Amino acid sequence: MALRSLTRKFGSKLLPRLSSSSLLHSHATSFGFKNVPEEEKSRLVGNVFSSVSSNYDLMNDFMSVGLHRLWKDRLVSKLNPFPGMKHLDVAGGTGDVAFRVLETINSIKRRALQDPLEDRLIEETQIYVCDINPNMLNVGKKRAIQRGLGEDKSLVWVEGDAEALTFGDNSMDGYTIAFGIRNVTHIEKVLAEAYRVLKRGGRFLCLELSQVDIPVFKELYDYYSFSVIPALGELVAGDRDSYQYLVESIRRFPPQEKFASMIADAGFEKVEFENMVGGVVAIHSGLKL
């Protein structure tokens, strides 16, 4: 795993060349390899995730050979959850990240051995799962019931838009978004909202499929992405087109350095990213100081 860092100062130097206006057009945006009107993208993406919601986690296992579980574990370990935390997981409808955050906090409780203070803090913990797609949220709620968490007051399910969150300023200790930010219409609005809702000292973490720059591995990865993944989508989920879009959306997402500069431009400090599996995925992080 390669770890690379961009300070806010370094990010600012890049911004004249890597401004958000160069990545996003004011009237058109990308939907996979197609350019579509901005007002159409959210509807099209909504259709994709409504279509794949029932098989979303199963397909993640197939596409990543189960590695997405380790990537999400790494994301949550970097978050460093704590009892009493107010955390927001965006585009996390199926609950995969939220369940990990809650389990980490509950494990702290078990280690605390009946410490009254820890018990009180556990009760104050709030993990908000925010997703724009109600079908994805329904999958998450069903999974919570299956895990015995259906009545857990620490989990709060919210239908909402990452570009216009309903949460108050300086209200969250942490913010995560996993495999979601490449599907939004305006990345810079999502980052601005993340910065707004985080408290001082709060951490932003983004897990996203990214850009491979190792020549031979890149060729193999491209073949797997464009030939195998859509075929898996058709075989497992009966939906080739949605997985064709998902593959294309990865290639349209900004490379690691560009995305890091956008995070710095949103106001975050100590911006860094960690590549995994040669850049197939990357975890970007920043602090609101």
Protein backbone atom coordinates (compact mmCIF):
# COMPACT_ATOMS: atom_id res chain seq x y z
CA MET A 1 0.00 0.00 0.00
CA ALA A 2 1.37 3.38 -0.95
CA LEU A 3 0.58 6.39 1.19
CA ARG A 4 0.80 9.84 -0.32
CA SER A 5 0.00 13.18 1.25
CA LEU A 6 -1.08 16.59 0.03
CA THR A 7 -1.03 19.48 2.48
CA ARG A 8 -3.53 22.26 2.02
CA LYS A 9 -0.72 24.47 0.78
CA PHE A 10 0.27 21.98 -1.88
CA GLY A 11 -3.37 21.52 -2.86
CA SER A 12 -3.76 25.27 -3.30
CA LYS A 13 -0.85 25.35 -5.73
CA LEU A 14 -2.58 22.78 -7.88
CA LEU A 15 -5.94 24.46 -7.89
CA PRO A 16 -5.42 26.97 -10.74
CA ARG A 17 -4.85 23.99 -13.05
CA LEU A 18 -7.24 21.59 -11.35
CA SER A 19 -10.20 23.81 -10.52
CA SER A 20 -13.61 22.25 -10.12
CA SER A 21 -14.79 24.12 -13.21
CA SER A 22 -12.35 22.08 -15.29
CA LEU A 23 -13.87 18.88 -13.95
CA LEU A 24 -17.54 19.80 -13.96
CA HIS A 25 -19.47 21.71 -16.61
CA SER A 26 -22.18 24.10 -15.49
CA HIS A 27 -24.76 22.66 -17.90
CA ALA A 28 -23.65 19.10 -18.59
CA THR A 29 -22.11 16.33 -16.57
CA SER A 30 -21.01 12.77 -17.10
CA PHE A 31 -23.14 9.67 -16.80
CA GLY A 32 -20.57 7.01 -17.47
CA PHE A 33 -19.01 7.91 -20.81
CA LYS A 34 -22.04 9.96 -21.87
CA ASN A 35 -22.59 13.66 -21.28
CA VAL A 36 -26.07 14.40 -19.99
CA PRO A 37 -27.85 17.52 -18.68
CA GLU A 38 -27.13 18.07 -14.99
CA GLU A 39 -30.78 17.81 -14.05
CA GLU A 40 -30.92 14.34 -15.66
CA LYS A 41 -27.98 12.75 -13.88
CA SER A 42 -29.58 12.26 -10.47
CA ARG A 43 -32.58 10.58 -12.08
CA LEU A 44 -30.40 8.27 -14.16
CA VAL A 45 -28.18 7.37 -11.22
CA GLY A 46 -31.30 6.81 -9.12
CA ASN A 47 -32.56 4.35 -11.70
CA VAL A 48 -29.25 2.48 -11.61
CA PHE A 49 -29.26 2.05 -7.84
CA SER A 50 -32.94 1.19 -7.68
CA SER A 51 -32.16 -1.56 -10.17
CA VAL A 52 -29.10 -2.95 -8.37
CA SER A 53 -30.16 -2.42 -4.73
CA SER A 54 -31.36 -5.97 -4.05
CA ASN A 55 -28.09 -7.47 -5.33
CA TYR A 56 -25.75 -4.63 -4.43
CA ASP A 57 -23.75 -6.32 -1.66
CA LEU A 58 -23.71 -9.68 -3.43
CA MET A 59 -22.29 -8.04 -6.55
CA ASN A 60 -19.70 -6.20 -4.46
CA ASP A 61 -18.48 -9.58 -3.25
CA PHE A 62 -18.32 -10.96 -6.78
CA MET A 63 -16.68 -7.89 -8.36
CA SER A 64 -14.01 -7.41 -5.69
CA VAL A 65 -13.58 -11.10 -4.80
CA GLY A 66 -14.62 -10.10 -1.28
CA LEU A 67 -11.93 -7.43 -0.96
CA HIS A 68 -14.47 -4.63 -0.48
CA ARG A 69 -14.94 -5.97 3.06
CA LEU A 70 -11.26 -5.39 3.86
CA TRP A 71 -11.34 -1.95 2.23
CA LYS A 72 -14.30 -0.93 4.40
CA ASP A 73 -12.57 -2.32 7.48
CA ARG A 74 -9.58 -0.12 6.65
CA LEU A 75 -11.84 2.91 6.16
CA VAL A 76 -13.40 2.47 9.59
CA SER A 77 -10.04 1.83 11.26
CA LYS A 78 -8.83 5.20 9.91
CA LEU A 79 -12.00 6.82 11.26
CA ASN A 80 -11.17 5.59 14.77
CA PRO A 81 -14.78 5.53 16.11
CA PHE A 82 -15.42 6.28 19.77
CA PRO A 83 -18.37 6.03 22.21
CA GLY A 84 -20.68 9.04 22.07
CA MET A 85 -19.69 9.77 18.48
CA LYS A 86 -22.01 11.59 16.09
CA HIS A 87 -21.15 10.10 12.72
CA LEU A 88 -22.57 10.57 9.22
CA ASP A 89 -22.21 7.88 6.57
CA VAL A 90 -23.34 9.24 3.20
CA ALA A 91 -24.44 7.07 0.27
CA GLY A 92 -24.31 4.17 2.70
CA GLY A 93 -27.85 2.88 2.32
CA THR A 94 -27.11 -0.83 2.73
CA GLY A 95 -25.44 -0.16 6.07
CA ASP A 96 -22.11 -1.83 5.37
CA VAL A 97 -19.99 1.01 6.77
CA ALA A 98 -22.44 2.03 9.51
CA PHE A 99 -22.58 -1.52 10.91
CA ARG A 100 -18.78 -1.56 11.09
CA VAL A 101 -18.69 1.78 12.91
CA LEU A 102 -21.28 0.60 15.42
CA GLU A 103 -19.53 -2.75 15.95
CA THR A 104 -16.23 -0.96 16.62
CA ILE A 105 -17.91 1.26 19.22
CA ASN A 106 -19.67 -1.70 20.82
CA SER A 107 -16.36 -3.57 21.04
CA ILE A 108 -14.99 -0.64 23.04
CA LYS A 109 -17.93 -1.06 25.40
CA ARG A 110 -17.15 -4.74 25.86
CA ARG A 111 -13.53 -3.93 26.67
CA ALA A 112 -14.62 -1.23 29.14
CA LEU A 113 -16.15 -3.91 31.42
CA GLN A 114 -19.20 -2.12 32.79
CA ASP A 115 -17.63 1.34 33.03
CA PRO A 116 -20.69 3.58 33.74
CA LEU A 117 -19.20 6.47 31.74
CA GLU A 118 -18.65 4.25 28.69
CA ASP A 119 -22.22 2.92 29.02
CA ARG A 120 -23.59 6.45 29.01
CA LEU A 121 -21.48 7.42 26.00
CA ILE A 122 -22.56 4.32 24.09
CA GLU A 123 -26.17 5.36 24.61
CA GLU A 124 -25.38 8.82 23.19
CA THR A 125 -23.79 7.41 20.03
CA GLN A 126 -25.59 8.38 16.83
CA ILE A 127 -24.70 6.93 13.44
CA TYR A 128 -26.68 8.50 10.62
CA VAL A 129 -26.99 6.50 7.40
CA CYS A 130 -27.87 8.97 4.66
CA ASP A 131 -28.76 7.87 1.12
CA ILE A 132 -30.73 9.55 -1.64
CA ASN A 133 -32.16 6.23 -2.80
CA PRO A 134 -35.01 4.78 -0.68
CA ASN A 135 -34.50 1.30 -2.14
CA MET A 136 -30.93 1.20 -0.87
CA LEU A 137 -32.08 2.39 2.57
CA ASN A 138 -34.73 -0.34 2.67
CA VAL A 139 -32.04 -2.94 2.01
CA GLY A 140 -30.01 -1.50 4.89
CA LYS A 141 -32.95 -1.52 7.30
CA LYS A 142 -33.68 -5.17 6.46
CA ARG A 143 -30.03 -6.05 7.03
CA ALA A 144 -30.12 -4.24 10.38
CA ILE A 145 -33.09 -6.38 11.45
CA GLN A 146 -31.27 -9.53 10.35
CA ARG A 147 -28.31 -8.47 12.52
CA GLY A 148 -30.52 -7.82 15.53
CA LEU A 149 -30.05 -4.05 15.18
CA GLY A 150 -33.56 -3.18 14.02
CA GLU A 151 -34.40 -1.43 17.30
CA ASP A 152 -30.95 0.04 17.93
CA LYS A 153 -31.45 3.74 18.57
CA SER A 154 -27.84 4.47 17.64
CA LEU A 155 -28.66 3.82 13.96
CA VAL A 156 -30.66 6.55 12.22
CA TRP A 157 -31.74 6.08 8.60
CA VAL A 158 -32.14 9.29 6.59
CA GLU A 159 -33.20 9.79 2.98
CA GLY A 160 -31.16 12.76 1.83
CA ASP A 161 -29.01 14.37 -0.85
CA ALA A 162 -25.24 14.49 -0.35
CA GLU A 163 -25.20 17.86 -2.13
CA ALA A 164 -27.75 19.44 0.25
CA LEU A 165 -27.63 17.76 3.67
CA THR A 166 -30.28 18.53 6.27
CA PHE A 167 -27.88 18.28 9.20
CA GLY A 168 -26.75 21.33 11.14
CA ASP A 169 -23.41 23.11 10.89
CA ASN A 170 -20.61 21.65 13.05
CA SER A 171 -22.81 18.74 14.14
CA MET A 172 -20.78 15.62 13.22
CA ASP A 173 -17.57 14.10 14.59
CA GLY A 174 -16.99 12.04 11.45
CA TYR A 175 -18.10 11.75 7.83
CA THR A 176 -17.62 8.75 5.53
CA ILE A 177 -18.67 8.10 1.96
CA ALA A 178 -17.85 4.76 0.33
CA PHE A 179 -18.27 4.14 -3.40
CA GLY A 180 -20.73 7.02 -3.65
CA ILE A 181 -19.07 10.29 -4.51
CA ARG A 182 -18.36 9.41 -8.14
CA ASN A 183 -22.12 9.15 -8.72
CA VAL A 184 -23.02 12.68 -7.65
CA THR A 185 -23.59 15.58 -10.04
CA HIS A 186 -21.36 18.14 -8.27
CA ILE A 187 -18.43 16.70 -6.32
CA GLU A 188 -17.48 20.12 -4.97
CA LYS A 189 -20.95 20.58 -3.41
CA VAL A 190 -20.65 17.24 -1.62
CA LEU A 191 -17.25 18.22 -0.24
CA ALA A 192 -18.55 21.64 0.87
CA GLU A 193 -21.45 19.98 2.69
CA ALA A 194 -19.11 17.49 4.35
CA TYR A 195 -16.97 20.36 5.60
CA ARG A 196 -20.01 22.30 6.80
CA VAL A 197 -21.53 19.53 8.93
CA LEU A 198 -18.26 18.41 10.53
CA LYS A 199 -17.15 19.78 13.88
CA ARG A 200 -13.69 21.24 14.31
CA GLY A 201 -11.38 18.26 14.53
CA GLY A 202 -13.82 16.12 12.55
CA ARG A 203 -12.50 13.70 9.95
CA PHE A 204 -13.64 13.29 6.35
CA LEU A 205 -12.99 9.88 4.78
CA CYS A 206 -13.82 8.75 1.26
CA LEU A 207 -13.38 5.21 -0.08
CA GLU A 208 -13.64 5.16 -3.86
CA LEU A 209 -12.66 3.10 -6.85
CA SER A 210 -9.82 5.03 -8.41
CA GLN A 211 -7.16 5.12 -11.11
CA VAL A 212 -4.57 2.38 -11.68
CA ASP A 213 -1.28 3.68 -13.07
CA ILE A 214 0.80 0.47 -13.20
CA PRO A 215 0.97 -0.26 -16.98
CA VAL A 216 0.57 -4.06 -17.17
CA PHE A 217 -1.82 -4.19 -14.21
CA LYS A 218 -3.85 -1.36 -15.75
CA GLU A 219 -4.38 -3.37 -18.95
CA LEU A 220 -5.55 -6.39 -16.96
CA TYR A 221 -7.79 -4.22 -14.80
CA ASP A 222 -9.34 -2.55 -17.86
CA TYR A 223 -10.09 -5.94 -19.39
CA TYR A 224 -11.65 -7.16 -16.15
CA SER A 225 -13.67 -3.96 -15.73
CA PHE A 226 -15.13 -3.71 -19.21
CA SER A 227 -15.47 -7.39 -20.09
CA VAL A 228 -16.02 -9.30 -16.85
CA ILE A 229 -17.95 -6.92 -14.56
CA PRO A 230 -20.82 -6.13 -16.99
CA ALA A 231 -21.08 -9.86 -17.76
CA LEU A 232 -21.26 -10.59 -14.01
CA GLY A 233 -23.96 -7.94 -13.68
CA GLU A 234 -25.99 -9.66 -16.36
CA LEU A 235 -25.44 -13.13 -14.90
CA VAL A 236 -25.94 -12.37 -11.20
CA ALA A 237 -28.24 -9.33 -11.19
CA GLY A 238 -29.80 -9.56 -14.66
CA ASP A 239 -28.62 -6.00 -15.32
CA ARG A 240 -25.68 -5.47 -17.65
CA ASP A 241 -26.33 -1.79 -18.37
CA SER A 242 -26.14 -0.64 -14.75
CA TYR A 243 -22.77 -2.30 -14.22
CA GLN A 244 -21.52 -0.95 -17.52
CA TYR A 245 -22.33 2.52 -16.17
CA LEU A 246 -20.61 1.78 -12.85
CA VAL A 247 -17.42 0.75 -14.64
CA GLU A 248 -17.49 3.83 -16.87
CA SER A 249 -18.13 6.12 -13.89
CA ILE A 250 -14.85 4.96 -12.33
CA ARG A 251 -12.90 6.09 -15.39
CA ARG A 252 -14.58 9.51 -15.33
CA PHE A 253 -13.77 10.09 -11.66
CA PRO A 254 -10.81 12.43 -10.98
CA PRO A 255 -7.43 10.74 -10.39
CA GLN A 256 -6.16 10.58 -6.84
CA GLU A 257 -4.11 13.80 -6.93
CA LYS A 258 -6.92 15.84 -8.50
CA PHE A 259 -9.47 14.60 -6.01
CA ALA A 260 -7.09 15.37 -3.14
CA SER A 261 -6.74 18.94 -4.38
CA MET A 262 -10.53 19.29 -4.49
CA ILE A 263 -10.74 18.14 -0.87
CA ALA A 264 -8.13 20.73 0.11
CA ASP A 265 -10.04 23.38 -1.84
CA ALA A 266 -13.14 22.60 0.25
CA GLY A 267 -11.20 23.71 3.33
CA PHE A 268 -9.85 20.45 4.71
CA GLU A 269 -6.35 20.26 6.17
CA LYS A 270 -3.85 17.38 6.26
CA VAL A 271 -5.34 15.89 3.11
CA GLU A 272 -3.89 12.52 2.17
CA PHE A 273 -4.77 9.40 0.27
CA GLU A 274 -3.87 5.75 0.54
CA ASN A 275 -3.81 3.55 -2.55
CA MET A 276 -4.78 -0.09 -2.25
CA VAL A 277 -4.41 -2.88 -4.81
CA GLY A 278 -2.29 -0.64 -7.04
CA GLY A 279 -4.81 2.18 -7.07
CA VAL A 280 -7.91 0.10 -7.81
CA VAL A 281 -9.28 1.82 -4.72
CA ALA A 282 -8.10 4.77 -2.66
CA ILE A 283 -9.03 6.17 0.71
CA HIS A 284 -8.86 9.96 0.83
CA SER A 285 -8.98 11.76 4.14
CA GLY A 286 -8.92 15.28 5.53
CA LEU A 287 -9.45 17.11 8.81
CA LYS A 288 -11.58 20.16 9.56
CA LEU A 289 -9.31 22.23 11.78
